Amino acid sequence: MRNYRYNMKLLYKASFLLFWAIGALAAGVFNYLLFNPHIVLFDGLGIHYAHPVFANHSAWTHFFAGHFSDTLWCVALCLVIDFLSVNKYVTATDKFLLLSLPFLAEFGQYAGIVPGTFDWLDIATYLAVILVYNYFSSLNLIPFRMKKLKSHLAAAVAAAAFLFMVFASAPQNRYAYRKPQKMPCVRHDGLNYSPVLVQINIDGSYTMKDLPTAQVSWQSYFMSKLLAANSYKYKLAQGVTPNLTINITINTDGYQHYGATVKFYVFDDNTWFTTQSNYVEPALLFDDIATRMDRYVSNGWTHDCP
């Protein structure tokens, strides 16, 4: 009778852990739907969203879009490891290896092996989640010598599942080749807040003379033209996350005529436009790009629309 009660208690605890792990993952997916729907998982399921439900640029929106689902994923990983421990499917070494997955995934992003963006805040968040969970549940992470290879099978399956989630939650690569399909029409509103924190990157499709000096001087010139078009609307993002990133690639036809390809990124969208290579004075080219960018920022833009 005592063994029966003990087994029932373990079964209840294991079911409780698995329930909350699934709940944490489901909450993470729902959070992506609300704040950052442009991930590989939704694209594979045929779910296309032009805009997140919450698309403003406040600090809390950035946290939920960039970090909250990762935090829930780490919590779910801890719960699954606890579930496997209760059922005696993993050794202490397995626990240690499984709990290293968040950090391996993050440094894989840093190395360009795993899709996504490396972030030290994610590293700190993972560490905090694991330490807090370990304190309250006593996961006992100290490894010891493995006995049998088959004893690690369950841990390997769990590791593969959570690594799959890393790739499934990566941002979509809109420019990668896919089977022909109609892209959703995007109508993006203007950025109705001030100041808009701007990052300006200038490069050339050809070998530009004294590129570092040109980048600094033309960045300053371009910023002055943005402010001339709309005073107090813009501010350089120095040491903080930009709201608007503008990448300007200068090109030439070889006869001292200049043009540009301009790609710009905001929190929930990105698009691009080009100018003809018929500018003799680069200053006039930057003037026109600044005017056009201010029009987009003030009034909004569209792309992939008929």
C-alpha atoms as a PDB file:
ATOM      1  CA  MET A   1       0.000   0.000   0.000  1.00  0.00           C
ATOM      2  CA  ARG A   2       2.857   2.373   0.852  1.00  0.00           C
ATOM      3  CA  ASN A   3       4.562   1.636  -2.490  1.00  0.00           C
ATOM      4  CA  TYR A   4       1.290   2.263  -4.294  1.00  0.00           C
ATOM      5  CA  ARG A   5       0.892   5.667  -2.654  1.00  0.00           C
ATOM      6  CA  TYR A   6       4.512   6.517  -3.402  1.00  0.00           C
ATOM      7  CA  ASN A   7       4.122   5.544  -7.055  1.00  0.00           C
ATOM      8  CA  MET A   8       0.904   7.539  -7.356  1.00  0.00           C
ATOM      9  CA  LYS A   9       2.656  10.551  -5.830  1.00  0.00           C
ATOM     10  CA  LEU A  10       5.475  10.262  -8.387  1.00  0.00           C
ATOM     11  CA  LEU A  11       2.974   9.864 -11.218  1.00  0.00           C
ATOM     12  CA  TYR A  12       1.098  12.968 -10.076  1.00  0.00           C
ATOM     13  CA  LYS A  13       4.318  14.972  -9.831  1.00  0.00           C
ATOM     14  CA  ALA A  14       5.484  13.819 -13.270  1.00  0.00           C
ATOM     15  CA  SER A  15       2.124  14.670 -14.851  1.00  0.00           C
ATOM     16  CA  PHE A  16       2.180  18.059 -13.161  1.00  0.00           C
ATOM     17  CA  LEU A  17       5.670  18.814 -14.529  1.00  0.00           C
ATOM     18  CA  LEU A  18       4.793  17.725 -18.069  1.00  0.00           C
ATOM     19  CA  PHE A  19       1.572  19.747 -18.009  1.00  0.00           C
ATOM     20  CA  TRP A  20       3.407  22.944 -17.072  1.00  0.00           C
ATOM     21  CA  ALA A  21       6.159  22.275 -19.617  1.00  0.00           C
ATOM     22  CA  ILE A  22       3.593  22.006 -22.407  1.00  0.00           C
ATOM     23  CA  GLY A  23       1.835  25.072 -21.013  1.00  0.00           C
ATOM     24  CA  ALA A  24       5.064  27.096 -21.030  1.00  0.00           C
ATOM     25  CA  LEU A  25       5.790  26.136 -24.651  1.00  0.00           C
ATOM     26  CA  ALA A  26       2.219  26.949 -25.697  1.00  0.00           C
ATOM     27  CA  ALA A  27       2.483  30.334 -23.974  1.00  0.00           C
ATOM     28  CA  GLY A  28       5.756  30.982 -25.815  1.00  0.00           C
ATOM     29  CA  VAL A  29       4.150  30.213 -29.177  1.00  0.00           C
ATOM     30  CA  PHE A  30       1.190  32.459 -28.346  1.00  0.00           C
ATOM     31  CA  ASN A  31       3.624  35.210 -27.351  1.00  0.00           C
ATOM     32  CA  TYR A  32       5.263  34.927 -30.788  1.00  0.00           C
ATOM     33  CA  LEU A  33       1.831  35.324 -32.395  1.00  0.00           C
ATOM     34  CA  LEU A  34       1.234  38.535 -30.482  1.00  0.00           C
ATOM     35  CA  PHE A  35       4.656  40.159 -30.698  1.00  0.00           C
ATOM     36  CA  ASN A  36       6.822  38.507 -33.388  1.00  0.00           C
ATOM     37  CA  PRO A  37       4.860  36.294 -35.827  1.00  0.00           C
ATOM     38  CA  HIS A  38       7.575  36.237 -38.515  1.00  0.00           C
ATOM     39  CA  ILE A  39       9.263  32.973 -37.490  1.00  0.00           C
ATOM     40  CA  VAL A  40       9.959  29.771 -39.405  1.00  0.00           C
ATOM     41  CA  LEU A  41       7.394  27.729 -37.437  1.00  0.00           C
ATOM     42  CA  PHE A  42       4.439  29.875 -38.531  1.00  0.00           C
ATOM     43  CA  ASP A  43       5.727  30.084 -42.080  1.00  0.00           C
ATOM     44  CA  GLY A  44       5.914  26.282 -42.251  1.00  0.00           C
ATOM     45  CA  LEU A  45       2.346  26.053 -40.919  1.00  0.00           C
ATOM     46  CA  GLY A  46       1.135  28.490 -43.564  1.00  0.00           C
ATOM     47  CA  ILE A  47       0.348  31.185 -41.009  1.00  0.00           C
ATOM     48  CA  HIS A  48       1.246  34.610 -42.396  1.00  0.00           C
ATOM     49  CA  TYR A  49       0.888  37.834 -40.423  1.00  0.00           C
ATOM     50  CA  ALA A  50       1.794  41.225 -41.844  1.00  0.00           C
ATOM     51  CA  HIS A  51       2.045  42.836 -38.407  1.00  0.00           C
ATOM     52  CA  PRO A  52       2.309  41.728 -34.785  1.00  0.00           C
ATOM     53  CA  VAL A  53      -0.761  42.484 -32.660  1.00  0.00           C
ATOM     54  CA  PHE A  54       1.449  44.683 -30.470  1.00  0.00           C
ATOM     55  CA  ALA A  55       3.863  46.624 -32.655  1.00  0.00           C
ATOM     56  CA  ASN A  56       4.837  49.759 -30.761  1.00  0.00           C
ATOM     57  CA  HIS A  57       8.434  50.450 -29.783  1.00  0.00           C
ATOM     58  CA  SER A  58       8.278  50.516 -26.001  1.00  0.00           C
ATOM     59  CA  ALA A  59      10.783  48.641 -23.837  1.00  0.00           C
ATOM     60  CA  TRP A  60       8.231  46.069 -22.682  1.00  0.00           C
ATOM     61  CA  THR A  61       7.243  45.290 -26.285  1.00  0.00           C
ATOM     62  CA  HIS A  62      10.899  44.702 -27.162  1.00  0.00           C
ATOM     63  CA  PHE A  63      11.211  42.350 -24.167  1.00  0.00           C
ATOM     64  CA  PHE A  64       8.188  40.259 -25.119  1.00  0.00           C
ATOM     65  CA  ALA A  65       9.188  40.173 -28.801  1.00  0.00           C
ATOM     66  CA  GLY A  66      12.835  39.321 -28.248  1.00  0.00           C
ATOM     67  CA  HIS A  67      13.195  37.552 -24.888  1.00  0.00           C
ATOM     68  CA  PHE A  68       9.982  36.343 -23.251  1.00  0.00           C
ATOM     69  CA  SER A  69       9.420  33.297 -25.494  1.00  0.00           C
ATOM     70  CA  ASP A  70      13.080  32.326 -25.018  1.00  0.00           C
ATOM     71  CA  THR A  71      12.573  32.517 -21.253  1.00  0.00           C
ATOM     72  CA  LEU A  72       9.494  30.276 -21.439  1.00  0.00           C
ATOM     73  CA  TRP A  73      11.425  27.839 -23.652  1.00  0.00           C
ATOM     74  CA  CYS A  74      14.139  27.596 -20.968  1.00  0.00           C
ATOM     75  CA  VAL A  75      11.519  27.106 -18.233  1.00  0.00           C
ATOM     76  CA  ALA A  76       9.937  24.305 -20.289  1.00  0.00           C
ATOM     77  CA  LEU A  77      13.359  22.692 -20.732  1.00  0.00           C
ATOM     78  CA  CYS A  78      13.890  22.689 -16.947  1.00  0.00           C
ATOM     79  CA  LEU A  79      10.435  21.183 -16.406  1.00  0.00           C
ATOM     80  CA  VAL A  80      11.077  18.430 -18.970  1.00  0.00           C
ATOM     81  CA  ILE A  81      14.427  17.597 -17.324  1.00  0.00           C
ATOM     82  CA  ASP A  82      12.657  17.416 -13.968  1.00  0.00           C
ATOM     83  CA  PHE A  83       9.991  15.172 -15.528  1.00  0.00           C
ATOM     84  CA  LEU A  84      12.682  12.860 -16.938  1.00  0.00           C
ATOM     85  CA  SER A  85      14.405  12.816 -13.537  1.00  0.00           C
ATOM     86  CA  VAL A  86      11.241  11.823 -11.691  1.00  0.00           C
ATOM     87  CA  ASN A  87      10.819   8.907 -14.090  1.00  0.00           C
ATOM     88  CA  LYS A  88      14.555   8.065 -13.801  1.00  0.00           C
ATOM     89  CA  TYR A  89      15.141   8.463 -17.545  1.00  0.00           C
ATOM     90  CA  VAL A  90      18.244  10.659 -17.202  1.00  0.00           C
ATOM     91  CA  THR A  91      21.500  10.711 -15.311  1.00  0.00           C
ATOM     92  CA  ALA A  92      23.135  13.742 -13.723  1.00  0.00           C
ATOM     93  CA  THR A  93      25.371  14.064 -16.802  1.00  0.00           C
ATOM     94  CA  ASP A  94      22.310  14.112 -19.041  1.00  0.00           C
ATOM     95  CA  LYS A  95      20.830  16.913 -16.965  1.00  0.00           C
ATOM     96  CA  PHE A  96      23.995  18.950 -17.298  1.00  0.00           C
ATOM     97  CA  LEU A  97      24.149  18.423 -21.075  1.00  0.00           C
ATOM     98  CA  LEU A  98      20.481  19.287 -21.537  1.00  0.00           C
ATOM     99  CA  LEU A  99      20.806  22.458 -19.479  1.00  0.00           C
ATOM    100  CA  SER A 100      23.756  23.538 -21.637  1.00  0.00           C
ATOM    101  CA  LEU A 101      21.467  23.636 -24.709  1.00  0.00           C
ATOM    102  CA  PRO A 102      20.298  27.257 -24.236  1.00  0.00           C
ATOM    103  CA  PHE A 103      23.891  28.472 -24.032  1.00  0.00           C
ATOM    104  CA  LEU A 104      25.048  26.307 -26.957  1.00  0.00           C
ATOM    105  CA  ALA A 105      22.160  27.632 -29.051  1.00  0.00           C
ATOM    106  CA  GLU A 106      22.981  31.243 -28.171  1.00  0.00           C
ATOM    107  CA  PHE A 107      26.690  30.890 -28.969  1.00  0.00           C
ATOM    108  CA  GLY A 108      25.714  29.019 -32.122  1.00  0.00           C
ATOM    109  CA  GLN A 109      23.843  32.180 -33.129  1.00  0.00           C
ATOM    110  CA  TYR A 110      26.970  34.209 -32.382  1.00  0.00           C
ATOM    111  CA  ALA A 111      29.001  31.913 -34.658  1.00  0.00           C
ATOM    112  CA  GLY A 112      26.351  32.018 -37.390  1.00  0.00           C
ATOM    113  CA  ILE A 113      25.664  28.273 -37.108  1.00  0.00           C
ATOM    114  CA  VAL A 114      22.165  28.678 -35.636  1.00  0.00           C
ATOM    115  CA  PRO A 115      19.655  31.160 -37.126  1.00  0.00           C
ATOM    116  CA  GLY A 116      18.894  34.134 -34.900  1.00  0.00           C
ATOM    117  CA  THR A 117      20.637  36.964 -33.072  1.00  0.00           C
ATOM    118  CA  PHE A 118      23.084  36.498 -30.200  1.00  0.00           C
ATOM    119  CA  ASP A 119      22.127  38.467 -27.086  1.00  0.00           C
ATOM    120  CA  TRP A 120      23.874  38.628 -23.707  1.00  0.00           C
ATOM    121  CA  LEU A 121      20.504  39.317 -22.068  1.00  0.00           C
ATOM    122  CA  ASP A 122      19.323  35.888 -23.233  1.00  0.00           C
ATOM    123  CA  ILE A 123      22.426  34.304 -21.676  1.00  0.00           C
ATOM    124  CA  ALA A 124      21.738  36.068 -18.373  1.00  0.00           C
ATOM    125  CA  THR A 125      18.048  35.108 -18.517  1.00  0.00           C
ATOM    126  CA  TYR A 126      18.814  31.425 -19.153  1.00  0.00           C
ATOM    127  CA  LEU A 127      21.284  31.368 -16.270  1.00  0.00           C
ATOM    128  CA  ALA A 128      18.790  33.029 -13.918  1.00  0.00           C
ATOM    129  CA  VAL A 129      15.985  30.607 -14.886  1.00  0.00           C
ATOM    130  CA  ILE A 130      18.192  27.547 -14.388  1.00  0.00           C
ATOM    131  CA  LEU A 131      19.620  28.726 -11.065  1.00  0.00           C
ATOM    132  CA  VAL A 132      16.196  29.648  -9.661  1.00  0.00           C
ATOM    133  CA  TYR A 133      14.646  26.401 -10.871  1.00  0.00           C
ATOM    134  CA  ASN A 134      17.566  24.383  -9.501  1.00  0.00           C
ATOM    135  CA  TYR A 135      17.230  26.124  -6.112  1.00  0.00           C
ATOM    136  CA  PHE A 136      13.562  25.222  -5.752  1.00  0.00           C
ATOM    137  CA  SER A 137      13.619  21.749  -7.333  1.00  0.00           C
ATOM    138  CA  SER A 138      17.140  20.473  -6.498  1.00  0.00           C
ATOM    139  CA  LEU A 139      18.054  19.218  -9.982  1.00  0.00           C
ATOM    140  CA  ASN A 140      21.544  18.213  -8.733  1.00  0.00           C
ATOM    141  CA  LEU A 141      23.601  19.140 -11.784  1.00  0.00           C
ATOM    142  CA  ILE A 142      26.910  17.592 -10.646  1.00  0.00           C
ATOM    143  CA  PRO A 143      27.721  14.985 -13.309  1.00  0.00           C
ATOM    144  CA  PHE A 144      29.100  11.522 -12.692  1.00  0.00           C
ATOM    145  CA  ARG A 145      30.419   8.783 -14.935  1.00  0.00           C
ATOM    146  CA  MET A 146      27.905   7.421 -17.440  1.00  0.00           C
ATOM    147  CA  LYS A 147      27.091   3.733 -17.107  1.00  0.00           C
ATOM    148  CA  LYS A 148      25.183   2.707 -20.179  1.00  0.00           C
ATOM    149  CA  LEU A 149      24.718   4.439 -23.499  1.00  0.00           C
ATOM    150  CA  LYS A 150      21.054   3.531 -23.684  1.00  0.00           C
ATOM    151  CA  SER A 151      20.389   5.375 -20.420  1.00  0.00           C
ATOM    152  CA  HIS A 152      20.962   8.628 -22.346  1.00  0.00           C
ATOM    153  CA  LEU A 153      18.457   7.941 -25.099  1.00  0.00           C
ATOM    154  CA  ALA A 154      15.652   9.916 -23.470  1.00  0.00           C
ATOM    155  CA  ALA A 155      17.964  12.893 -22.939  1.00  0.00           C
ATOM    156  CA  ALA A 156      19.059  12.776 -26.596  1.00  0.00           C
ATOM    157  CA  VAL A 157      15.433  12.822 -27.742  1.00  0.00           C
ATOM    158  CA  ALA A 158      14.673  15.781 -25.476  1.00  0.00           C
ATOM    159  CA  ALA A 159      17.784  17.613 -26.738  1.00  0.00           C
ATOM    160  CA  ALA A 160      16.778  17.069 -30.377  1.00  0.00           C
ATOM    161  CA  ALA A 161      13.250  18.338 -29.673  1.00  0.00           C
ATOM    162  CA  PHE A 162      14.429  21.537 -28.001  1.00  0.00           C
ATOM    163  CA  LEU A 163      17.058  22.215 -30.679  1.00  0.00           C
ATOM    164  CA  PHE A 164      14.283  21.876 -33.265  1.00  0.00           C
ATOM    165  CA  MET A 165      12.395  24.586 -31.358  1.00  0.00           C
ATOM    166  CA  VAL A 166      15.461  26.856 -31.641  1.00  0.00           C
ATOM    167  CA  PHE A 167      15.391  26.579 -35.445  1.00  0.00           C
ATOM    168  CA  ALA A 168      11.581  26.784 -35.613  1.00  0.00           C
ATOM    169  CA  SER A 169      11.562  30.109 -33.730  1.00  0.00           C
ATOM    170  CA  ALA A 170      14.228  31.710 -35.948  1.00  0.00           C
ATOM    171  CA  PRO A 171      13.244  34.800 -38.005  1.00  0.00           C
ATOM    172  CA  GLN A 172      12.074  34.075 -41.518  1.00  0.00           C
ATOM    173  CA  ASN A 173      14.558  34.696 -44.290  1.00  0.00           C
ATOM    174  CA  ARG A 174      12.347  36.548 -46.720  1.00  0.00           C
ATOM    175  CA  TYR A 175      14.991  36.623 -49.425  1.00  0.00           C
ATOM    176  CA  ALA A 176      15.788  32.907 -49.486  1.00  0.00           C
ATOM    177  CA  TYR A 177      14.516  31.016 -52.534  1.00  0.00           C
ATOM    178  CA  ARG A 178      11.260  29.200 -52.061  1.00  0.00           C
ATOM    179  CA  LYS A 179       8.642  27.755 -54.301  1.00  0.00           C
ATOM    180  CA  PRO A 180       6.752  30.572 -56.032  1.00  0.00           C
ATOM    181  CA  GLN A 181       4.122  31.944 -53.694  1.00  0.00           C
ATOM    182  CA  LYS A 182       2.254  35.165 -53.309  1.00  0.00           C
ATOM    183  CA  MET A 183       3.734  37.283 -50.546  1.00  0.00           C
ATOM    184  CA  PRO A 184       1.253  38.983 -48.215  1.00  0.00           C
ATOM    185  CA  CYS A 185       0.545  42.629 -48.966  1.00  0.00           C
ATOM    186  CA  VAL A 186       2.072  44.808 -46.247  1.00  0.00           C
ATOM    187  CA  ARG A 187       0.738  48.292 -45.516  1.00  0.00           C
ATOM    188  CA  HIS A 188       2.818  49.708 -42.707  1.00  0.00           C
ATOM    189  CA  ASP A 189       1.773  52.815 -40.797  1.00  0.00           C
ATOM    190  CA  GLY A 190       4.178  55.690 -40.231  1.00  0.00           C
ATOM    191  CA  LEU A 191       6.227  55.885 -37.062  1.00  0.00           C
ATOM    192  CA  ASN A 192       4.087  58.193 -34.958  1.00  0.00           C
ATOM    193  CA  TYR A 193       6.511  58.747 -32.094  1.00  0.00           C
ATOM    194  CA  SER A 194       9.497  61.002 -31.531  1.00  0.00           C
ATOM    195  CA  PRO A 195      12.381  60.809 -31.530  1.00  0.00           C
ATOM    196  CA  VAL A 196      12.933  57.947 -33.937  1.00  0.00           C
ATOM    197  CA  LEU A 197      16.316  56.451 -33.024  1.00  0.00           C
ATOM    198  CA  VAL A 198      18.198  56.003 -36.294  1.00  0.00           C
ATOM    199  CA  GLN A 199      21.190  53.878 -37.244  1.00  0.00           C
ATOM    200  CA  ILE A 200      22.726  54.770 -40.631  1.00  0.00           C
ATOM    201  CA  ASN A 201      25.054  52.353 -42.450  1.00  0.00           C
ATOM    202  CA  ILE A 202      26.719  53.489 -45.677  1.00  0.00           C
ATOM    203  CA  ASP A 203      28.644  51.233 -48.031  1.00  0.00           C
ATOM    204  CA  GLY A 204      29.420  50.902 -51.722  1.00  0.00           C
ATOM    205  CA  SER A 205      28.859  48.195 -54.316  1.00  0.00           C
ATOM    206  CA  TYR A 206      32.247  49.252 -55.674  1.00  0.00           C
ATOM    207  CA  THR A 207      35.558  50.128 -54.011  1.00  0.00           C
ATOM    208  CA  MET A 208      34.948  53.568 -52.542  1.00  0.00           C
ATOM    209  CA  LYS A 209      37.907  55.886 -51.992  1.00  0.00           C
ATOM    210  CA  ASP A 210      38.664  56.406 -48.291  1.00  0.00           C
ATOM    211  CA  LEU A 211      35.528  54.501 -47.241  1.00  0.00           C
ATOM    212  CA  PRO A 212      35.808  55.064 -43.426  1.00  0.00           C
ATOM    213  CA  THR A 213      36.019  58.851 -43.829  1.00  0.00           C
ATOM    214  CA  ALA A 214      33.203  58.868 -46.375  1.00  0.00           C
ATOM    215  CA  GLN A 215      30.988  56.805 -44.075  1.00  0.00           C
ATOM    216  CA  VAL A 216      31.383  59.252 -41.190  1.00  0.00           C
ATOM    217  CA  SER A 217      30.968  62.430 -43.240  1.00  0.00           C
ATOM    218  CA  TRP A 218      28.008  61.189 -45.307  1.00  0.00           C
ATOM    219  CA  GLN A 219      26.308  59.763 -42.216  1.00  0.00           C
ATOM    220  CA  SER A 220      26.471  63.204 -40.617  1.00  0.00           C
ATOM    221  CA  TYR A 221      25.257  64.850 -43.812  1.00  0.00           C
ATOM    222  CA  PHE A 222      22.376  62.406 -44.243  1.00  0.00           C
ATOM    223  CA  MET A 223      21.286  62.861 -40.623  1.00  0.00           C
ATOM    224  CA  SER A 224      21.259  66.637 -41.061  1.00  0.00           C
ATOM    225  CA  LYS A 225      19.006  66.264 -44.094  1.00  0.00           C
ATOM    226  CA  LEU A 226      16.589  64.033 -42.171  1.00  0.00           C
ATOM    227  CA  LEU A 227      16.344  66.692 -39.470  1.00  0.00           C
ATOM    228  CA  ALA A 228      15.929  69.393 -42.101  1.00  0.00           C
ATOM    229  CA  ALA A 229      12.985  67.459 -43.515  1.00  0.00           C
ATOM    230  CA  ASN A 230      11.397  66.920 -40.088  1.00  0.00           C
ATOM    231  CA  SER A 231      12.852  68.774 -37.118  1.00  0.00           C
ATOM    232  CA  TYR A 232      13.059  66.935 -33.763  1.00  0.00           C
ATOM    233  CA  LYS A 233      11.790  63.704 -35.387  1.00  0.00           C
ATOM    234  CA  TYR A 234      15.123  61.886 -35.576  1.00  0.00           C
ATOM    235  CA  LYS A 235      18.047  61.133 -33.290  1.00  0.00           C
ATOM    236  CA  LEU A 236      21.136  58.982 -33.826  1.00  0.00           C
ATOM    237  CA  ALA A 237      20.984  55.720 -31.867  1.00  0.00           C
ATOM    238  CA  GLN A 238      24.263  55.823 -29.964  1.00  0.00           C
ATOM    239  CA  GLY A 239      24.735  52.834 -27.678  1.00  0.00           C
ATOM    240  CA  VAL A 240      21.029  51.927 -27.723  1.00  0.00           C
ATOM    241  CA  THR A 241      18.820  49.763 -29.922  1.00  0.00           C
ATOM    242  CA  PRO A 242      17.653  51.740 -32.983  1.00  0.00           C
ATOM    243  CA  ASN A 243      13.998  52.036 -33.985  1.00  0.00           C
ATOM    244  CA  LEU A 244      14.999  52.514 -37.621  1.00  0.00           C
ATOM    245  CA  THR A 245      18.057  51.053 -39.364  1.00  0.00           C
ATOM    246  CA  ILE A 246      18.917  52.464 -42.801  1.00  0.00           C
ATOM    247  CA  ASN A 247      21.458  50.658 -44.981  1.00  0.00           C
ATOM    248  CA  ILE A 248      22.554  52.737 -47.988  1.00  0.00           C
ATOM    249  CA  THR A 249      24.635  51.012 -50.669  1.00  0.00           C
ATOM    250  CA  ILE A 250      26.040  53.444 -53.227  1.00  0.00           C
ATOM    251  CA  ASN A 251      26.532  52.253 -56.815  1.00  0.00           C
ATOM    252  CA  THR A 252      27.930  53.825 -59.957  1.00  0.00           C
ATOM    253  CA  ASP A 253      27.677  53.243 -63.682  1.00  0.00           C
ATOM    254  CA  GLY A 254      31.419  53.802 -64.114  1.00  0.00           C
ATOM    255  CA  TYR A 255      30.964  57.272 -65.621  1.00  0.00           C
ATOM    256  CA  GLN A 256      30.755  59.233 -62.351  1.00  0.00           C
ATOM    257  CA  HIS A 257      26.990  58.837 -62.142  1.00  0.00           C
ATOM    258  CA  TYR A 258      25.737  57.641 -58.777  1.00  0.00           C
ATOM    259  CA  GLY A 259      22.702  55.775 -57.487  1.00  0.00           C
ATOM    260  CA  ALA A 260      21.811  53.742 -54.413  1.00  0.00           C
ATOM    261  CA  THR A 261      19.970  50.778 -52.995  1.00  0.00           C
ATOM    262  CA  VAL A 262      18.357  51.646 -49.672  1.00  0.00           C
ATOM    263  CA  LYS A 263      17.187  48.954 -47.263  1.00  0.00           C
ATOM    264  CA  PHE A 264      15.504  49.999 -44.044  1.00  0.00           C
ATOM    265  CA  TYR A 265      14.399  48.003 -41.056  1.00  0.00           C
ATOM    266  CA  VAL A 266      11.971  48.674 -38.227  1.00  0.00           C
ATOM    267  CA  PHE A 267      10.914  46.414 -35.378  1.00  0.00           C
ATOM    268  CA  ASP A 268       8.193  44.589 -37.305  1.00  0.00           C
ATOM    269  CA  ASP A 269       9.072  44.985 -40.980  1.00  0.00           C
ATOM    270  CA  ASN A 270      11.780  45.660 -43.538  1.00  0.00           C
ATOM    271  CA  THR A 271      11.737  46.796 -47.150  1.00  0.00           C
ATOM    272  CA  TRP A 272      13.902  48.549 -49.738  1.00  0.00           C
ATOM    273  CA  PHE A 273      13.955  50.928 -52.680  1.00  0.00           C
ATOM    274  CA  THR A 274      16.451  51.997 -55.328  1.00  0.00           C
ATOM    275  CA  THR A 275      17.366  55.214 -57.086  1.00  0.00           C
ATOM    276  CA  GLN A 276      18.549  55.538 -60.658  1.00  0.00           C
ATOM    277  CA  SER A 277      22.278  55.921 -61.268  1.00  0.00           C
ATOM    278  CA  ASN A 278      21.978  59.382 -62.773  1.00  0.00           C
ATOM    279  CA  TYR A 279      23.227  61.607 -59.934  1.00  0.00           C
ATOM    280  CA  VAL A 280      26.400  63.554 -60.678  1.00  0.00           C
ATOM    281  CA  GLU A 281      26.557  65.071 -57.174  1.00  0.00           C
ATOM    282  CA  PRO A 282      26.416  62.526 -54.302  1.00  0.00           C
ATOM    283  CA  ALA A 283      24.966  65.243 -52.048  1.00  0.00           C
ATOM    284  CA  LEU A 284      21.857  65.454 -54.239  1.00  0.00           C
ATOM    285  CA  LEU A 285      21.521  61.675 -54.054  1.00  0.00           C
ATOM    286  CA  PHE A 286      21.558  61.767 -50.238  1.00  0.00           C
ATOM    287  CA  ASP A 287      19.122  64.704 -50.269  1.00  0.00           C
ATOM    288  CA  ASP A 288      16.579  62.705 -52.262  1.00  0.00           C
ATOM    289  CA  ILE A 289      17.054  59.563 -50.138  1.00  0.00           C
ATOM    290  CA  ALA A 290      16.505  61.590 -46.936  1.00  0.00           C
ATOM    291  CA  THR A 291      13.342  63.174 -48.369  1.00  0.00           C
ATOM    292  CA  ARG A 292      11.970  59.812 -49.404  1.00  0.00           C
ATOM    293  CA  MET A 293      12.814  58.192 -46.060  1.00  0.00           C
ATOM    294  CA  ASP A 294      11.092  60.990 -44.158  1.00  0.00           C
ATOM    295  CA  ARG A 295       7.990  60.477 -46.303  1.00  0.00           C
ATOM    296  CA  TYR A 296       7.953  56.783 -45.424  1.00  0.00           C
ATOM    297  CA  VAL A 297       8.539  57.445 -41.722  1.00  0.00           C
ATOM    298  CA  SER A 298       5.799  60.085 -41.606  1.00  0.00           C
ATOM    299  CA  ASN A 299       3.157  58.504 -43.867  1.00  0.00           C
ATOM    300  CA  GLY A 300       3.972  54.797 -43.927  1.00  0.00           C
ATOM    301  CA  TRP A 301       4.865  52.476 -46.798  1.00  0.00           C
ATOM    302  CA  THR A 302       3.667  49.392 -48.672  1.00  0.00           C
ATOM    303  CA  HIS A 303       5.320  46.448 -50.341  1.00  0.00           C
ATOM    304  CA  ASP A 304       4.264  43.239 -52.100  1.00  0.00           C
ATOM    305  CA  CYS A 305       0.922  44.860 -52.913  1.00  0.00           C
ATOM    306  CA  PRO A 306      -0.728  44.764 -56.375  1.00  0.00           C
END
